[in-house]
Amino acid sequence: MRNKPTKFEDLMWNELRDRKLGFKFKRQYSLGNYVADFFCREKKLAVEIEGEVHRRASVQKYDVYRIRYMGALGVRVVRIQNEEIIKNLDQVLKKIRINLTSNPSPDSGEGNGKG
């Protein structure tokens, strides 16, 4: 678990806290062997904020296992790039809202892609 959130995580937390999207989110939520940046327990939805480090091949491989593990727990994962938060926060929030109000299966691939 990270002790100090990134500025992108702080920006996202500002938008998710206090049920601003209609659902309660927790920050740095433990899901088995992994920690989700943000998690809505009611909807079993994790929001992952991804920066430059996630472009490394070794980290991408780790991310695949992490996403599959969360999916096996019935958790859908929305992956958000740092740049998306800065360039188009409204679109990021729309993507999260769609995932909060839809119920695709965790292994359908919806919500698990970047962008």
Protein backbone atom coordinates (compact mmCIF):
# COMPACT_ATOMS: atom_id res chain seq x y z
CA MET A 1 0.00 0.00 0.00
CA ARG A 2 1.31 3.42 -0.89
CA ASN A 3 1.60 6.00 1.85
CA LYS A 4 1.46 9.08 -0.35
CA PRO A 5 -1.11 9.34 -3.15
CA THR A 6 -0.18 10.92 -6.46
CA LYS A 7 -1.71 14.24 -7.48
CA PHE A 8 -3.85 12.31 -9.98
CA GLU A 9 -5.19 10.06 -7.22
CA ASP A 10 -5.92 13.14 -5.12
CA LEU A 11 -7.83 14.73 -8.01
CA MET A 12 -9.82 11.54 -8.55
CA TRP A 13 -10.53 11.13 -4.85
CA ASN A 14 -11.94 14.64 -4.80
CA GLU A 15 -14.50 13.50 -7.39
CA LEU A 16 -15.34 10.14 -5.81
CA ARG A 17 -15.51 10.99 -2.11
CA ASP A 18 -18.69 11.81 -0.19
CA ARG A 19 -20.89 9.84 -2.61
CA LYS A 20 -20.50 12.50 -5.30
CA LEU A 21 -21.32 9.89 -7.95
CA GLY A 22 -24.13 8.42 -5.86
CA PHE A 23 -22.11 5.54 -4.42
CA LYS A 24 -19.59 5.20 -1.61
CA PHE A 25 -15.96 4.69 -2.61
CA LYS A 26 -13.07 3.68 -0.40
CA ARG A 27 -9.49 4.67 -1.07
CA GLN A 28 -6.60 2.13 -1.16
CA TYR A 29 -8.95 -0.82 -0.65
CA SER A 30 -7.44 -4.26 -0.13
CA LEU A 31 -8.74 -6.97 -2.44
CA GLY A 32 -6.96 -10.16 -1.47
CA ASN A 33 -3.33 -9.86 -2.54
CA TYR A 34 -3.83 -6.49 -4.24
CA VAL A 35 -4.88 -2.95 -3.39
CA ALA A 36 -7.30 -1.01 -5.57
CA ASP A 37 -6.78 2.75 -5.78
CA PHE A 38 -10.54 3.23 -5.29
CA PHE A 39 -13.30 0.71 -4.67
CA CYS A 40 -17.09 0.85 -4.59
CA ARG A 41 -18.10 -2.17 -2.56
CA GLU A 42 -21.80 -1.87 -3.38
CA LYS A 43 -21.12 -2.15 -7.12
CA LYS A 44 -17.92 -4.24 -6.89
CA LEU A 45 -16.14 -1.66 -9.01
CA ALA A 46 -12.46 -0.78 -8.72
CA VAL A 47 -10.99 2.37 -10.26
CA GLU A 48 -7.28 2.18 -11.00
CA ILE A 49 -5.26 5.30 -11.78
CA GLU A 50 -2.34 4.47 -14.04
CA GLY A 51 0.73 6.53 -14.77
CA GLU A 52 3.91 6.15 -16.76
CA VAL A 53 5.09 3.10 -14.81
CA HIS A 54 2.15 1.08 -16.18
CA ARG A 55 3.66 1.34 -19.67
CA ARG A 56 6.59 -0.89 -18.69
CA ALA A 57 6.31 -4.47 -19.96
CA SER A 58 6.95 -5.97 -16.52
CA VAL A 59 4.25 -3.82 -14.92
CA GLN A 60 1.80 -4.55 -17.75
CA LYS A 61 2.25 -8.28 -17.09
CA TYR A 62 1.65 -7.71 -13.37
CA ASP A 63 -1.45 -5.62 -14.20
CA VAL A 64 -2.91 -8.48 -16.28
CA TYR A 65 -2.66 -10.83 -13.30
CA ARG A 66 -4.03 -8.18 -10.94
CA ILE A 67 -7.05 -7.47 -13.17
CA ARG A 68 -7.74 -11.21 -13.61
CA TYR A 69 -7.50 -11.76 -9.87
CA MET A 70 -9.95 -8.96 -9.17
CA GLY A 71 -12.25 -10.30 -11.88
CA ALA A 72 -12.19 -13.72 -10.22
CA LEU A 73 -13.47 -11.96 -7.08
CA GLY A 74 -16.35 -10.55 -9.12
CA VAL A 75 -14.82 -7.07 -9.28
CA ARG A 76 -14.91 -4.96 -12.45
CA VAL A 77 -11.95 -2.66 -12.99
CA VAL A 78 -11.95 0.72 -14.71
CA ARG A 79 -8.45 1.75 -15.68
CA ILE A 80 -7.84 5.49 -15.97
CA GLN A 81 -4.66 7.03 -17.35
CA ASN A 82 -3.21 10.06 -15.52
CA GLU A 83 -3.47 12.08 -18.73
CA GLU A 84 -7.21 11.39 -18.98
CA ILE A 85 -7.81 12.96 -15.58
CA ILE A 86 -6.04 16.16 -16.61
CA LYS A 87 -7.29 16.39 -20.19
CA ASN A 88 -10.88 15.24 -19.85
CA LEU A 89 -12.10 14.71 -16.31
CA ASP A 90 -15.75 14.90 -17.41
CA GLN A 91 -15.25 11.93 -19.74
CA VAL A 92 -13.48 9.98 -16.98
CA LEU A 93 -16.39 10.58 -14.61
CA LYS A 94 -18.84 9.57 -17.33
CA LYS A 95 -16.95 6.30 -17.83
CA ILE A 96 -17.11 5.59 -14.10
CA ARG A 97 -20.83 6.47 -13.93
CA ILE A 98 -21.57 4.08 -16.80
CA ASN A 99 -19.76 1.29 -14.97
CA LEU A 100 -21.60 2.09 -11.75
CA THR A 101 -24.99 1.86 -13.42
CA SER A 102 -24.36 -1.12 -15.72
CA ASN A 103 -23.87 -4.70 -14.67
CA PRO A 104 -21.60 -6.45 -17.17
CA SER A 105 -19.93 -9.62 -15.95
CA PRO A 106 -16.41 -9.09 -14.58
CA ASP A 107 -14.84 -11.16 -17.35
CA SER A 108 -16.72 -9.51 -20.23
CA GLY A 109 -13.89 -7.05 -20.78
CA GLU A 110 -16.12 -4.04 -20.23
CA GLY A 111 -14.52 -1.50 -17.98
CA ASN A 112 -11.24 -3.36 -18.04
CA GLY A 113 -9.68 -1.55 -20.96
CA LYS A 114 -7.63 1.57 -21.01
CA GLY A 115 -9.17 4.74 -22.31
